[in-house]
C-alpha atoms as a PDB file:
ATOM      1  CA  MET A   1      38.079 -50.217  -3.576  1.00  0.00           C
ATOM      2  CA  LYS A   2      39.353 -46.699  -3.083  1.00  0.00           C
ATOM      3  CA  VAL A   3      42.959 -46.116  -4.183  1.00  0.00           C
ATOM      4  CA  ILE A   4      44.711 -43.017  -2.861  1.00  0.00           C
ATOM      5  CA  ALA A   5      48.114 -42.264  -4.396  1.00  0.00           C
ATOM      6  CA  VAL A   6      50.446 -40.405  -2.012  1.00  0.00           C
ATOM      7  CA  PHE A   7      53.590 -38.711  -3.321  1.00  0.00           C
ATOM      8  CA  ALA A   8      55.926 -35.846  -2.534  1.00  0.00           C
ATOM      9  CA  THR A   9      57.440 -33.706  -5.271  1.00  0.00           C
ATOM     10  CA  THR A  10      59.772 -30.795  -5.692  1.00  0.00           C
ATOM     11  CA  VAL A  11      58.104 -27.751  -7.228  1.00  0.00           C
ATOM     12  CA  ASN A  12      59.634 -28.725 -10.581  1.00  0.00           C
ATOM     13  CA  GLY A  13      58.023 -32.181 -10.470  1.00  0.00           C
ATOM     14  CA  THR A  14      60.816 -34.447  -9.251  1.00  0.00           C
ATOM     15  CA  ILE A  15      59.656 -37.364  -7.065  1.00  0.00           C
ATOM     16  CA  ALA A  16      63.035 -39.145  -6.839  1.00  0.00           C
ATOM     17  CA  LEU A  17      66.364 -37.370  -6.647  1.00  0.00           C
ATOM     18  CA  SER A  18      68.343 -40.509  -7.494  1.00  0.00           C
ATOM     19  CA  ALA A  19      67.855 -44.168  -8.367  1.00  0.00           C
ATOM     20  CA  ASP A  20      68.096 -45.151  -4.689  1.00  0.00           C
ATOM     21  CA  ASP A  21      66.256 -42.114  -3.284  1.00  0.00           C
ATOM     22  CA  ARG A  22      65.428 -42.562   0.404  1.00  0.00           C
ATOM     23  CA  VAL A  23      63.086 -39.522   0.408  1.00  0.00           C
ATOM     24  CA  ASP A  24      65.118 -37.757   3.068  1.00  0.00           C
ATOM     25  CA  TRP A  25      64.526 -34.482   1.215  1.00  0.00           C
ATOM     26  CA  THR A  26      60.894 -34.198   2.253  1.00  0.00           C
ATOM     27  CA  SER A  27      59.872 -32.082   5.217  1.00  0.00           C
ATOM     28  CA  ARG A  28      59.083 -33.375   8.684  1.00  0.00           C
ATOM     29  CA  GLU A  29      55.517 -32.114   8.190  1.00  0.00           C
ATOM     30  CA  ASP A  30      55.145 -34.183   5.006  1.00  0.00           C
ATOM     31  CA  LYS A  31      56.387 -37.278   6.835  1.00  0.00           C
ATOM     32  CA  ILE A  32      53.792 -36.665   9.574  1.00  0.00           C
ATOM     33  CA  TYR A  33      51.027 -36.158   6.975  1.00  0.00           C
ATOM     34  CA  PHE A  34      52.109 -39.341   5.147  1.00  0.00           C
ATOM     35  CA  LYS A  35      52.210 -41.390   8.357  1.00  0.00           C
ATOM     36  CA  GLU A  36      48.811 -40.167   9.585  1.00  0.00           C
ATOM     37  CA  LEU A  37      47.123 -40.821   6.229  1.00  0.00           C
ATOM     38  CA  THR A  38      48.652 -44.256   5.654  1.00  0.00           C
ATOM     39  CA  MET A  39      47.989 -45.335   9.253  1.00  0.00           C
ATOM     40  CA  LYS A  40      44.340 -44.256   8.885  1.00  0.00           C
ATOM     41  CA  ILE A  41      43.956 -46.230   5.635  1.00  0.00           C
ATOM     42  CA  GLY A  42      45.959 -49.179   6.984  1.00  0.00           C
ATOM     43  CA  THR A  43      47.245 -50.709   3.740  1.00  0.00           C
ATOM     44  CA  VAL A  44      50.015 -49.452   1.466  1.00  0.00           C
ATOM     45  CA  ILE A  45      50.999 -50.724  -1.968  1.00  0.00           C
ATOM     46  CA  MET A  46      54.451 -49.972  -3.322  1.00  0.00           C
ATOM     47  CA  GLY A  47      56.824 -51.209  -5.973  1.00  0.00           C
ATOM     48  CA  ARG A  48      59.945 -53.180  -5.143  1.00  0.00           C
ATOM     49  CA  LYS A  49      62.268 -50.189  -5.612  1.00  0.00           C
ATOM     50  CA  THR A  50      60.233 -48.091  -3.165  1.00  0.00           C
ATOM     51  CA  HIS A  51      60.275 -50.956  -0.659  1.00  0.00           C
ATOM     52  CA  GLU A  52      64.049 -51.243  -0.982  1.00  0.00           C
ATOM     53  CA  ALA A  53      64.475 -47.466  -0.628  1.00  0.00           C
ATOM     54  CA  ILE A  54      62.403 -47.474   2.590  1.00  0.00           C
ATOM     55  CA  GLY A  55      64.402 -50.461   3.801  1.00  0.00           C
ATOM     56  CA  ARG A  56      61.745 -51.976   6.051  1.00  0.00           C
ATOM     57  CA  PRO A  57      57.992 -52.515   6.240  1.00  0.00           C
ATOM     58  CA  LEU A  58      56.073 -49.506   7.516  1.00  0.00           C
ATOM     59  CA  PRO A  59      54.890 -50.431  11.024  1.00  0.00           C
ATOM     60  CA  GLU A  60      51.226 -50.859  11.916  1.00  0.00           C
ATOM     61  CA  ARG A  61      50.213 -51.043   8.238  1.00  0.00           C
ATOM     62  CA  LEU A  62      49.830 -53.905   5.794  1.00  0.00           C
ATOM     63  CA  ASN A  63      52.671 -53.456   3.293  1.00  0.00           C
ATOM     64  CA  ILE A  64      52.048 -54.898  -0.174  1.00  0.00           C
ATOM     65  CA  VAL A  65      55.129 -54.911  -2.391  1.00  0.00           C
ATOM     66  CA  TRP A  66      54.199 -55.225  -6.046  1.00  0.00           C
ATOM     67  CA  THR A  67      57.022 -57.041  -7.810  1.00  0.00           C
ATOM     68  CA  ARG A  68      57.578 -59.157 -10.915  1.00  0.00           C
ATOM     69  CA  ASN A  69      59.422 -61.761  -8.824  1.00  0.00           C
ATOM     70  CA  PRO A  70      57.652 -62.278  -5.480  1.00  0.00           C
ATOM     71  CA  ASP A  71      59.257 -65.689  -4.932  1.00  0.00           C
ATOM     72  CA  ALA A  72      62.654 -64.030  -4.474  1.00  0.00           C
ATOM     73  CA  TYR A  73      61.301 -62.322  -1.340  1.00  0.00           C
ATOM     74  CA  ARG A  74      59.126 -65.059   0.238  1.00  0.00           C
ATOM     75  CA  LYS A  75      61.631 -65.641   3.054  1.00  0.00           C
ATOM     76  CA  THR A  76      61.284 -62.027   4.190  1.00  0.00           C
ATOM     77  CA  GLU A  77      57.483 -62.026   4.297  1.00  0.00           C
ATOM     78  CA  ARG A  78      55.814 -61.503   7.641  1.00  0.00           C
ATOM     79  CA  GLU A  79      52.356 -60.677   8.938  1.00  0.00           C
ATOM     80  CA  ASN A  80      52.434 -57.069   7.710  1.00  0.00           C
ATOM     81  CA  LEU A  81      54.629 -57.590   4.606  1.00  0.00           C
ATOM     82  CA  ARG A  82      53.567 -59.418   1.460  1.00  0.00           C
ATOM     83  CA  PHE A  83      55.112 -59.633  -2.015  1.00  0.00           C
ATOM     84  CA  LEU A  84      52.625 -59.993  -4.885  1.00  0.00           C
ATOM     85  CA  SER A  85      52.841 -59.940  -8.664  1.00  0.00           C
ATOM     86  CA  SER A  86      49.240 -60.092  -9.885  1.00  0.00           C
ATOM     87  CA  ASP A  87      47.986 -57.393 -12.231  1.00  0.00           C
ATOM     88  CA  PRO A  88      46.618 -54.264 -10.504  1.00  0.00           C
ATOM     89  CA  VAL A  89      42.946 -55.197 -10.998  1.00  0.00           C
ATOM     90  CA  SER A  90      43.424 -58.708  -9.579  1.00  0.00           C
ATOM     91  CA  LEU A  91      45.538 -57.381  -6.721  1.00  0.00           C
ATOM     92  CA  LEU A  92      42.800 -54.953  -5.639  1.00  0.00           C
ATOM     93  CA  GLU A  93      40.121 -57.645  -6.029  1.00  0.00           C
ATOM     94  CA  GLN A  94      42.154 -59.974  -3.791  1.00  0.00           C
ATOM     95  CA  LEU A  95      42.522 -57.290  -1.125  1.00  0.00           C
ATOM     96  CA  LYS A  96      38.799 -56.467  -1.346  1.00  0.00           C
ATOM     97  CA  LYS A  97      37.991 -60.143  -0.681  1.00  0.00           C
ATOM     98  CA  GLU A  98      40.130 -59.850   2.452  1.00  0.00           C
ATOM     99  CA  GLY A  99      37.903 -57.007   3.678  1.00  0.00           C
ATOM    100  CA  ILE A 100      40.176 -54.121   2.681  1.00  0.00           C
ATOM    101  CA  SER A 101      38.225 -51.193   1.231  1.00  0.00           C
ATOM    102  CA  GLN A 102      40.965 -48.553   0.828  1.00  0.00           C
ATOM    103  CA  VAL A 103      44.680 -48.564   0.023  1.00  0.00           C
ATOM    104  CA  CYS A 104      47.416 -45.977  -0.319  1.00  0.00           C
ATOM    105  CA  LEU A 105      49.619 -46.318  -3.379  1.00  0.00           C
ATOM    106  CA  ILE A 106      52.972 -44.915  -2.230  1.00  0.00           C
ATOM    107  CA  GLY A 107      55.425 -45.449  -5.053  1.00  0.00           C
ATOM    108  CA  GLY A 108      57.029 -45.374  -7.360  1.00  0.00           C
ATOM    109  CA  ALA A 109      56.261 -43.812 -10.709  1.00  0.00           C
ATOM    110  CA  GLU A 110      56.099 -47.140 -12.558  1.00  0.00           C
ATOM    111  CA  THR A 111      53.658 -48.604 -10.034  1.00  0.00           C
ATOM    112  CA  PHE A 112      51.576 -45.425 -10.116  1.00  0.00           C
ATOM    113  CA  ALA A 113      51.379 -45.586 -13.928  1.00  0.00           C
ATOM    114  CA  ALA A 114      50.321 -49.254 -13.883  1.00  0.00           C
ATOM    115  CA  PHE A 115      47.376 -48.499 -11.586  1.00  0.00           C
ATOM    116  CA  ALA A 116      46.497 -45.135 -13.188  1.00  0.00           C
ATOM    117  CA  SER A 117      46.499 -46.593 -16.712  1.00  0.00           C
ATOM    118  CA  LYS A 118      43.731 -48.976 -15.595  1.00  0.00           C
ATOM    119  CA  SER A 119      41.735 -46.048 -14.082  1.00  0.00           C
ATOM    120  CA  LEU A 120      42.206 -47.513 -10.602  1.00  0.00           C
ATOM    121  CA  VAL A 121      43.495 -44.392  -8.826  1.00  0.00           C
ATOM    122  CA  ASP A 122      40.736 -42.319  -7.214  1.00  0.00           C
ATOM    123  CA  GLU A 123      42.717 -39.609  -5.431  1.00  0.00           C
ATOM    124  CA  LEU A 124      46.199 -38.152  -5.580  1.00  0.00           C
ATOM    125  CA  HIS A 125      47.685 -36.524  -2.474  1.00  0.00           C
ATOM    126  CA  LEU A 126      50.694 -34.603  -3.751  1.00  0.00           C
ATOM    127  CA  THR A 127      52.954 -32.727  -1.342  1.00  0.00           C
ATOM    128  CA  TYR A 128      54.821 -29.892  -3.040  1.00  0.00           C
ATOM    129  CA  GLU A 129      58.100 -29.318  -1.211  1.00  0.00           C
ATOM    130  CA  PRO A 130      59.475 -25.790  -1.737  1.00  0.00           C
ATOM    131  CA  ILE A 131      62.722 -26.866  -3.415  1.00  0.00           C
ATOM    132  CA  LEU A 132      64.027 -27.098  -6.972  1.00  0.00           C
ATOM    133  CA  CYS A 133      66.169 -30.151  -7.705  1.00  0.00           C
ATOM    134  CA  SER A 134      67.347 -32.208 -10.592  1.00  0.00           C
ATOM    135  CA  GLY A 135      66.329 -35.796 -10.213  1.00  0.00           C
ATOM    136  CA  SER A 136      65.817 -39.148 -11.823  1.00  0.00           C
ATOM    137  CA  MET A 137      62.021 -39.414 -11.913  1.00  0.00           C
ATOM    138  CA  ASN A 138      58.746 -37.549 -12.048  1.00  0.00           C
ATOM    139  CA  LEU A 139      55.249 -38.838 -11.434  1.00  0.00           C
ATOM    140  CA  GLY A 140      54.438 -38.963 -15.150  1.00  0.00           C
ATOM    141  CA  SER A 141      57.626 -40.752 -16.210  1.00  0.00           C
ATOM    142  CA  TYR A 142      55.782 -43.979 -17.091  1.00  0.00           C
ATOM    143  CA  LEU A 143      52.336 -42.640 -18.003  1.00  0.00           C
ATOM    144  CA  SER A 144      51.230 -43.038 -21.582  1.00  0.00           C
ATOM    145  CA  GLY A 145      49.148 -39.946 -22.139  1.00  0.00           C
ATOM    146  CA  CYS A 146      47.572 -37.562 -19.668  1.00  0.00           C
ATOM    147  CA  LEU A 147      45.722 -38.015 -16.402  1.00  0.00           C
ATOM    148  CA  GLY A 148      43.012 -35.461 -15.642  1.00  0.00           C
ATOM    149  CA  LEU A 149      42.878 -34.114 -12.096  1.00  0.00           C
ATOM    150  CA  LYS A 150      40.416 -31.962 -10.190  1.00  0.00           C
ATOM    151  CA  LEU A 151      41.632 -30.116  -7.109  1.00  0.00           C
ATOM    152  CA  ILE A 152      39.378 -30.985  -4.159  1.00  0.00           C
ATOM    153  CA  GLU A 153      41.410 -29.761  -1.190  1.00  0.00           C
ATOM    154  CA  LEU A 154      44.540 -27.849  -0.294  1.00  0.00           C
ATOM    155  CA  VAL A 155      46.354 -28.566   2.976  1.00  0.00           C
ATOM    156  CA  ARG A 156      49.017 -26.108   4.080  1.00  0.00           C
ATOM    157  CA  LEU A 157      51.856 -27.586   6.070  1.00  0.00           C
ATOM    158  CA  ARG A 158      54.494 -25.382   7.683  1.00  0.00           C
ATOM    159  CA  LYS A 159      56.517 -24.937   4.470  1.00  0.00           C
ATOM    160  CA  ALA A 160      55.079 -27.496   2.066  1.00  0.00           C
ATOM    161  CA  THR A 161      51.593 -27.725   0.585  1.00  0.00           C
ATOM    162  CA  VAL A 162      49.539 -30.870  -0.026  1.00  0.00           C
ATOM    163  CA  MET A 163      47.181 -30.718  -2.962  1.00  0.00           C
ATOM    164  CA  ILE A 164      44.493 -33.370  -2.939  1.00  0.00           C
ATOM    165  CA  TYR A 165      43.151 -34.170  -6.356  1.00  0.00           C
ATOM    166  CA  GLU A 166      40.304 -36.318  -7.564  1.00  0.00           C
ATOM    167  CA  VAL A 167      41.482 -38.359 -10.533  1.00  0.00           C
ATOM    168  CA  GLU A 168      39.094 -37.933 -13.466  1.00  0.00           C
ATOM    169  CA  LYS A 169      38.010 -41.202 -15.034  1.00  0.00           C
END
């Protein structure tokens, strides 16, 4: 199972400007890049807070919301929206059994750390938006230790830049 983490950041490392960040600070080009990549992969995994910030399932993709309390959301499940609480390894094994070979991990920092700490993240697509902002979160906020990265590609958008890293295991 290939896991591709997809995040946007300010140049000073902020991935969320507030507790209820709706990511309206990212560029149009980043949104297009994000949509094209996640549509190509077809499955996204996100934490509950990211799901609530987006406010709806992303269309034409399987949306997996990783939450400690999936039963609280069962009534809102639909064909492309599922709420699961299994550990990251079991979650990926379950999806693999369903024929899914790749997923995009789209947020937030706590969810990223849970998967990265188990060496489950293969790539990190990080859009650097050319702004400096204070904020409430950075990608390493929940990591315990360091995560080695190797730059494999650089994609220039109109103003922003996407750096694609291989995560060293």
